[in-house]
Amino acid sequence: MISTDKIKEYISTGYYKDKAGGYGIQDKNFNFIDKYYGCYENILGLPTCLLIKMINNFDLVKKINFSQCIGEYE
């Protein structure tokens, strides 16, 4: 259980304003999460575990060299 004082302290920081759901799990100053299930990076916002599986399924790693994309739009 989270104390009311800790919740008030968190709200006073304003960290919640740009977070989906009002909390960012990556914030180590306010560690409200004891346990989670699944891909941590998916919780952060990008399902990299799934993305890697999808890329591997389409064999894109051999077809696309991601480092070649750097500077393409500069």
PDB file of N, CA and C in Angstrom:
ATOM      1  N   MET A   1       0.832  -1.171   0.000  1.00  0.00           N
ATOM      2  CA  MET A   1       0.000   0.000   0.000  1.00  0.00           C
ATOM      3  C   MET A   1       0.887   1.248   0.000  1.00  0.00           C
ATOM      4  N   ILE A   2       0.469   2.240  -0.746  1.00  0.00           N
ATOM      5  CA  ILE A   2       1.214   3.489  -0.853  1.00  0.00           C
ATOM      6  C   ILE A   2       0.602   4.503   0.107  1.00  0.00           C
ATOM      7  N   SER A   3       1.457   5.154   0.870  1.00  0.00           N
ATOM      8  CA  SER A   3       0.955   6.130   1.841  1.00  0.00           C
ATOM      9  C   SER A   3       0.445   7.386   1.127  1.00  0.00           C
ATOM     10  N   THR A   4      -0.482   8.055   1.763  1.00  0.00           N
ATOM     11  CA  THR A   4      -1.030   9.305   1.236  1.00  0.00           C
ATOM     12  C   THR A   4       0.070  10.352   1.099  1.00  0.00           C
ATOM     13  N   ASP A   5       0.988  10.382   2.045  1.00  0.00           N
ATOM     14  CA  ASP A   5       2.096  11.337   1.984  1.00  0.00           C
ATOM     15  C   ASP A   5       2.971  11.097   0.755  1.00  0.00           C
ATOM     16  N   LYS A   6       3.237   9.833   0.461  1.00  0.00           N
ATOM     17  CA  LYS A   6       4.058   9.500  -0.715  1.00  0.00           C
ATOM     18  C   LYS A   6       3.331   9.889  -2.008  1.00  0.00           C
ATOM     19  N   ILE A   7       2.043   9.672  -2.065  1.00  0.00           N
ATOM     20  CA  ILE A   7       1.248  10.061  -3.238  1.00  0.00           C
ATOM     21  C   ILE A   7       1.269  11.581  -3.397  1.00  0.00           C
ATOM     22  N   LYS A   8       1.093  12.310  -2.320  1.00  0.00           N
ATOM     23  CA  LYS A   8       1.120  13.772  -2.383  1.00  0.00           C
ATOM     24  C   LYS A   8       2.493  14.275  -2.827  1.00  0.00           C
ATOM     25  N   GLU A   9       3.539  13.641  -2.332  1.00  0.00           N
ATOM     26  CA  GLU A   9       4.899  14.019  -2.724  1.00  0.00           C
ATOM     27  C   GLU A   9       5.096  13.794  -4.224  1.00  0.00           C
ATOM     28  N   TYR A  10       4.615  12.664  -4.716  1.00  0.00           N
ATOM     29  CA  TYR A  10       4.720  12.358  -6.145  1.00  0.00           C
ATOM     30  C   TYR A  10       3.949  13.376  -6.987  1.00  0.00           C
ATOM     31  N   ILE A  11       2.744  13.696  -6.595  1.00  0.00           N
ATOM     32  CA  ILE A  11       1.920  14.658  -7.328  1.00  0.00           C
ATOM     33  C   ILE A  11       2.594  16.036  -7.354  1.00  0.00           C
ATOM     34  N   SER A  12       3.226  16.403  -6.252  1.00  0.00           N
ATOM     35  CA  SER A  12       3.871  17.721  -6.183  1.00  0.00           C
ATOM     36  C   SER A  12       5.048  17.848  -7.146  1.00  0.00           C
ATOM     37  N   THR A  13       5.622  16.747  -7.593  1.00  0.00           N
ATOM     38  CA  THR A  13       6.750  16.798  -8.533  1.00  0.00           C
ATOM     39  C   THR A  13       6.299  17.132  -9.949  1.00  0.00           C
ATOM     40  N   GLY A  14       5.054  16.794 -10.294  1.00  0.00           N
ATOM     41  CA  GLY A  14       4.560  17.013 -11.652  1.00  0.00           C
ATOM     42  C   GLY A  14       4.964  15.933 -12.630  1.00  0.00           C
ATOM     43  N   TYR A  15       5.667  14.892 -12.174  1.00  0.00           N
ATOM     44  CA  TYR A  15       6.117  13.809 -13.056  1.00  0.00           C
ATOM     45  C   TYR A  15       4.961  13.118 -13.783  1.00  0.00           C
ATOM     46  N   TYR A  16       3.817  13.105 -13.167  1.00  0.00           N
ATOM     47  CA  TYR A  16       2.668  12.389 -13.720  1.00  0.00           C
ATOM     48  C   TYR A  16       2.108  13.037 -14.987  1.00  0.00           C
ATOM     49  N   LYS A  17       2.415  14.282 -15.232  1.00  0.00           N
ATOM     50  CA  LYS A  17       1.764  15.043 -16.293  1.00  0.00           C
ATOM     51  C   LYS A  17       2.009  14.505 -17.698  1.00  0.00           C
ATOM     52  N   ASP A  18       3.151  13.900 -17.944  1.00  0.00           N
ATOM     53  CA  ASP A  18       3.425  13.397 -19.290  1.00  0.00           C
ATOM     54  C   ASP A  18       3.460  11.868 -19.350  1.00  0.00           C
ATOM     55  N   LYS A  19       2.809  11.226 -18.415  1.00  0.00           N
ATOM     56  CA  LYS A  19       2.812   9.764 -18.341  1.00  0.00           C
ATOM     57  C   LYS A  19       1.429   9.195 -18.635  1.00  0.00           C
ATOM     58  N   ALA A  20       1.387   8.188 -19.486  1.00  0.00           N
ATOM     59  CA  ALA A  20       0.132   7.469 -19.705  1.00  0.00           C
ATOM     60  C   ALA A  20      -0.192   6.728 -18.416  1.00  0.00           C
ATOM     61  N   GLY A  21      -1.346   6.956 -17.878  1.00  0.00           N
ATOM     62  CA  GLY A  21      -1.706   6.332 -16.608  1.00  0.00           C
ATOM     63  C   GLY A  21      -1.193   7.101 -15.402  1.00  0.00           C
ATOM     64  N   GLY A  22      -0.440   8.165 -15.622  1.00  0.00           N
ATOM     65  CA  GLY A  22       0.000   9.013 -14.528  1.00  0.00           C
ATOM     66  C   GLY A  22       1.237   8.535 -13.788  1.00  0.00           C
ATOM     67  N   TYR A  23       1.892   7.480 -14.268  1.00  0.00           N
ATOM     68  CA  TYR A  23       3.076   6.981 -13.559  1.00  0.00           C
ATOM     69  C   TYR A  23       4.039   6.353 -14.558  1.00  0.00           C
ATOM     70  N   GLY A  24       5.320   6.635 -14.385  1.00  0.00           N
ATOM     71  CA  GLY A  24       6.361   6.011 -15.206  1.00  0.00           C
ATOM     72  C   GLY A  24       7.126   5.003 -14.368  1.00  0.00           C
ATOM     73  N   ILE A  25       7.071   3.758 -14.756  1.00  0.00           N
ATOM     74  CA  ILE A  25       7.722   2.688 -13.986  1.00  0.00           C
ATOM     75  C   ILE A  25       9.233   2.892 -13.892  1.00  0.00           C
ATOM     76  N   GLN A  26       9.817   3.645 -14.814  1.00  0.00           N
ATOM     77  CA  GLN A  26      11.258   3.863 -14.814  1.00  0.00           C
ATOM     78  C   GLN A  26      11.714   4.866 -13.758  1.00  0.00           C
ATOM     79  N   ASP A  27      10.796   5.552 -13.111  1.00  0.00           N
ATOM     80  CA  ASP A  27      11.125   6.546 -12.100  1.00  0.00           C
ATOM     81  C   ASP A  27      11.539   5.849 -10.805  1.00  0.00           C
ATOM     82  N   LYS A  28      12.830   5.845 -10.530  1.00  0.00           N
ATOM     83  CA  LYS A  28      13.351   5.126  -9.356  1.00  0.00           C
ATOM     84  C   LYS A  28      13.134   5.892  -8.049  1.00  0.00           C
ATOM     85  N   ASN A  29      12.835   7.193  -8.147  1.00  0.00           N
ATOM     86  CA  ASN A  29      12.575   7.966  -6.924  1.00  0.00           C
ATOM     87  C   ASN A  29      11.226   7.616  -6.300  1.00  0.00           C
ATOM     88  N   PHE A  30      10.299   7.156  -7.135  1.00  0.00           N
ATOM     89  CA  PHE A  30       8.972   6.768  -6.663  1.00  0.00           C
ATOM     90  C   PHE A  30       8.677   5.369  -7.194  1.00  0.00           C
ATOM     91  N   ASN A  31       9.206   4.386  -6.527  1.00  0.00           N
ATOM     92  CA  ASN A  31       9.074   3.005  -6.975  1.00  0.00           C
ATOM     93  C   ASN A  31       7.812   2.391  -6.372  1.00  0.00           C
ATOM     94  N   PHE A  32       6.678   2.610  -7.040  1.00  0.00           N
ATOM     95  CA  PHE A  32       5.396   2.126  -6.541  1.00  0.00           C
ATOM     96  C   PHE A  32       5.098   0.697  -6.982  1.00  0.00           C
ATOM     97  N   ILE A  33       5.856   0.172  -7.914  1.00  0.00           N
ATOM     98  CA  ILE A  33       5.574  -1.145  -8.488  1.00  0.00           C
ATOM     99  C   ILE A  33       6.461  -2.200  -7.822  1.00  0.00           C
ATOM    100  N   ASP A  34       5.831  -3.201  -7.209  1.00  0.00           N
ATOM    101  CA  ASP A  34       6.574  -4.296  -6.590  1.00  0.00           C
ATOM    102  C   ASP A  34       6.856  -5.424  -7.573  1.00  0.00           C
ATOM    103  N   LYS A  35       5.927  -5.646  -8.491  1.00  0.00           N
ATOM    104  CA  LYS A  35       6.032  -6.783  -9.390  1.00  0.00           C
ATOM    105  C   LYS A  35       5.291  -6.466 -10.680  1.00  0.00           C
ATOM    106  N   TYR A  36       5.837  -6.927 -11.787  1.00  0.00           N
ATOM    107  CA  TYR A  36       5.152  -6.800 -13.071  1.00  0.00           C
ATOM    108  C   TYR A  36       5.355  -8.083 -13.858  1.00  0.00           C
ATOM    109  N   TYR A  37       4.539  -8.282 -14.857  1.00  0.00           N
ATOM    110  CA  TYR A  37       4.598  -9.468 -15.701  1.00  0.00           C
ATOM    111  C   TYR A  37       4.745  -9.027 -17.143  1.00  0.00           C
ATOM    112  N   GLY A  38       5.576  -9.704 -17.877  1.00  0.00           N
ATOM    113  CA  GLY A  38       5.750  -9.376 -19.285  1.00  0.00           C
ATOM    114  C   GLY A  38       7.022  -8.598 -19.532  1.00  0.00           C
ATOM    115  N   CYS A  39       7.085  -7.999 -20.684  1.00  0.00           N
ATOM    116  CA  CYS A  39       8.267  -7.279 -21.155  1.00  0.00           C
ATOM    117  C   CYS A  39       8.337  -5.887 -20.519  1.00  0.00           C
ATOM    118  N   TYR A  40       9.393  -5.611 -19.790  1.00  0.00           N
ATOM    119  CA  TYR A  40       9.575  -4.310 -19.128  1.00  0.00           C
ATOM    120  C   TYR A  40       9.565  -3.175 -20.150  1.00  0.00           C
ATOM    121  N   GLU A  41      10.232  -3.375 -21.277  1.00  0.00           N
ATOM    122  CA  GLU A  41      10.289  -2.325 -22.285  1.00  0.00           C
ATOM    123  C   GLU A  41       8.922  -2.053 -22.911  1.00  0.00           C
ATOM    124  N   ASN A  42       8.045  -3.045 -22.941  1.00  0.00           N
ATOM    125  CA  ASN A  42       6.677  -2.827 -23.403  1.00  0.00           C
ATOM    126  C   ASN A  42       5.934  -1.913 -22.428  1.00  0.00           C
ATOM    127  N   ILE A  43       6.191  -2.096 -21.152  1.00  0.00           N
ATOM    128  CA  ILE A  43       5.583  -1.238 -20.138  1.00  0.00           C
ATOM    129  C   ILE A  43       6.060   0.199 -20.329  1.00  0.00           C
ATOM    130  N   LEU A  44       7.313   0.370 -20.717  1.00  0.00           N
ATOM    131  CA  LEU A  44       7.858   1.698 -20.976  1.00  0.00           C
ATOM    132  C   LEU A  44       7.242   2.340 -22.216  1.00  0.00           C
ATOM    133  N   GLY A  45       6.785   1.513 -23.167  1.00  0.00           N
ATOM    134  CA  GLY A  45       6.113   2.095 -24.321  1.00  0.00           C
ATOM    135  C   GLY A  45       6.414   1.469 -25.661  1.00  0.00           C
ATOM    136  N   LEU A  46       7.526   0.736 -25.814  1.00  0.00           N
ATOM    137  CA  LEU A  46       7.846   0.107 -27.091  1.00  0.00           C
ATOM    138  C   LEU A  46       8.103  -1.373 -26.850  1.00  0.00           C
ATOM    139  N   PRO A  47       7.294  -2.230 -27.432  1.00  0.00           N
ATOM    140  CA  PRO A  47       7.459  -3.676 -27.205  1.00  0.00           C
ATOM    141  C   PRO A  47       8.637  -4.233 -28.000  1.00  0.00           C
ATOM    142  N   THR A  48       9.857  -3.937 -27.540  1.00  0.00           N
ATOM    143  CA  THR A  48      11.046  -4.345 -28.282  1.00  0.00           C
ATOM    144  C   THR A  48      11.176  -5.863 -28.391  1.00  0.00           C
ATOM    145  N   CYS A  49      10.729  -6.592 -27.370  1.00  0.00           N
ATOM    146  CA  CYS A  49      10.787  -8.059 -27.442  1.00  0.00           C
ATOM    147  C   CYS A  49       9.956  -8.554 -28.622  1.00  0.00           C
ATOM    148  N   LEU A  50       8.760  -8.030 -28.765  1.00  0.00           N
ATOM    149  CA  LEU A  50       7.881  -8.399 -29.874  1.00  0.00           C
ATOM    150  C   LEU A  50       8.440  -7.898 -31.197  1.00  0.00           C
ATOM    151  N   LEU A  51       8.976  -6.702 -31.208  1.00  0.00           N
ATOM    152  CA  LEU A  51       9.540  -6.121 -32.422  1.00  0.00           C
ATOM    153  C   LEU A  51      10.693  -6.973 -32.956  1.00  0.00           C
ATOM    154  N   ILE A  52      11.567  -7.420 -32.078  1.00  0.00           N
ATOM    155  CA  ILE A  52      12.683  -8.270 -32.488  1.00  0.00           C
ATOM    156  C   ILE A  52      12.174  -9.584 -33.071  1.00  0.00           C
ATOM    157  N   LYS A  53      11.155 -10.188 -32.439  1.00  0.00           N
ATOM    158  CA  LYS A  53      10.577 -11.423 -32.966  1.00  0.00           C
ATOM    159  C   LYS A  53       9.987 -11.203 -34.351  1.00  0.00           C
ATOM    160  N   MET A  54       9.281 -10.086 -34.528  1.00  0.00           N
ATOM    161  CA  MET A  54       8.668  -9.799 -35.826  1.00  0.00           C
ATOM    162  C   MET A  54       9.737  -9.592 -36.902  1.00  0.00           C
ATOM    163  N   ILE A  55      10.776  -8.858 -36.561  1.00  0.00           N
ATOM    164  CA  ILE A  55      11.863  -8.634 -37.521  1.00  0.00           C
ATOM    165  C   ILE A  55      12.517  -9.953 -37.901  1.00  0.00           C
ATOM    166  N   ASN A  56      12.738 -10.789 -36.903  1.00  0.00           N
ATOM    167  CA  ASN A  56      13.341 -12.091 -37.188  1.00  0.00           C
ATOM    168  C   ASN A  56      12.433 -12.966 -38.038  1.00  0.00           C
ATOM    169  N   ASN A  57      11.118 -12.902 -37.831  1.00  0.00           N
ATOM    170  CA  ASN A  57      10.183 -13.684 -38.633  1.00  0.00           C
ATOM    171  C   ASN A  57      10.220 -13.286 -40.099  1.00  0.00           C
ATOM    172  N   PHE A  58      10.440 -12.018 -40.371  1.00  0.00           N
ATOM    173  CA  PHE A  58      10.476 -11.543 -41.751  1.00  0.00           C
ATOM    174  C   PHE A  58      11.889 -11.524 -42.319  1.00  0.00           C
ATOM    175  N   ASP A  59      12.848 -11.963 -41.516  1.00  0.00           N
ATOM    176  CA  ASP A  59      14.240 -12.037 -41.948  1.00  0.00           C
ATOM    177  C   ASP A  59      14.755 -10.671 -42.392  1.00  0.00           C
ATOM    178  N   LEU A  60      14.261  -9.612 -41.772  1.00  0.00           N
ATOM    179  CA  LEU A  60      14.641  -8.259 -42.165  1.00  0.00           C
ATOM    180  C   LEU A  60      16.039  -7.874 -41.714  1.00  0.00           C
ATOM    181  N   VAL A  61      16.541  -8.532 -40.691  1.00  0.00           N
ATOM    182  CA  VAL A  61      17.862  -8.186 -40.180  1.00  0.00           C
ATOM    183  C   VAL A  61      18.903  -8.364 -41.281  1.00  0.00           C
ATOM    184  N   LYS A  62      18.747  -9.386 -42.088  1.00  0.00           N
ATOM    185  CA  LYS A  62      19.706  -9.629 -43.161  1.00  0.00           C
ATOM    186  C   LYS A  62      19.475  -8.700 -44.345  1.00  0.00           C
ATOM    187  N   LYS A  63      18.281  -8.165 -44.489  1.00  0.00           N
ATOM    188  CA  LYS A  63      17.946  -7.320 -45.626  1.00  0.00           C
ATOM    189  C   LYS A  63      18.175  -5.839 -45.346  1.00  0.00           C
ATOM    190  N   ILE A  64      18.057  -5.433 -44.106  1.00  0.00           N
ATOM    191  CA  ILE A  64      18.165  -4.022 -43.750  1.00  0.00           C
ATOM    192  C   ILE A  64      19.318  -3.840 -42.770  1.00  0.00           C
ATOM    193  N   ASN A  65      20.194  -2.935 -43.102  1.00  0.00           N
ATOM    194  CA  ASN A  65      21.251  -2.548 -42.184  1.00  0.00           C
ATOM    195  C   ASN A  65      20.803  -1.228 -41.559  1.00  0.00           C
ATOM    196  N   PHE A  66      20.357  -1.274 -40.311  1.00  0.00           N
ATOM    197  CA  PHE A  66      19.775  -0.098 -39.679  1.00  0.00           C
ATOM    198  C   PHE A  66      20.764   1.063 -39.583  1.00  0.00           C
ATOM    199  N   SER A  67      22.042   0.781 -39.521  1.00  0.00           N
ATOM    200  CA  SER A  67      23.015   1.868 -39.438  1.00  0.00           C
ATOM    201  C   SER A  67      23.052   2.676 -40.730  1.00  0.00           C
ATOM    202  N   GLN A  68      22.612   2.117 -41.852  1.00  0.00           N
ATOM    203  CA  GLN A  68      22.568   2.848 -43.105  1.00  0.00           C
ATOM    204  C   GLN A  68      21.460   3.902 -43.097  1.00  0.00           C
ATOM    205  N   CYS A  69      20.501   3.780 -42.211  1.00  0.00           N
ATOM    206  CA  CYS A  69      19.393   4.734 -42.151  1.00  0.00           C
ATOM    207  C   CYS A  69      19.808   6.040 -41.500  1.00  0.00           C
ATOM    208  N   ILE A  70      20.881   6.037 -40.749  1.00  0.00           N
ATOM    209  CA  ILE A  70      21.343   7.252 -40.060  1.00  0.00           C
ATOM    210  C   ILE A  70      21.737   8.285 -41.102  1.00  0.00           C
ATOM    211  N   GLY A  71      21.192   9.465 -40.980  1.00  0.00           N
ATOM    212  CA  GLY A  71      21.522  10.547 -41.886  1.00  0.00           C
ATOM    213  C   GLY A  71      20.675  10.581 -43.147  1.00  0.00           C
ATOM    214  N   GLU A  72      19.853   9.578 -43.348  1.00  0.00           N
ATOM    215  CA  GLU A  72      19.024   9.522 -44.555  1.00  0.00           C
ATOM    216  C   GLU A  72      18.093  10.704 -44.654  1.00  0.00           C
ATOM    217  N   TYR A  73      17.610  11.197 -43.509  1.00  0.00           N
ATOM    218  CA  TYR A  73      16.641  12.287 -43.502  1.00  0.00           C
ATOM    219  C   TYR A  73      17.253  13.622 -43.124  1.00  0.00           C
ATOM    220  N   GLU A  74      18.571  13.695 -43.040  1.00  0.00           N
ATOM    221  CA  GLU A  74      19.219  14.962 -42.639  1.00  0.00           C
ATOM    222  C   GLU A  74      19.246  15.940 -43.788  1.00  0.00           C
TER     223      GLU A  74
END
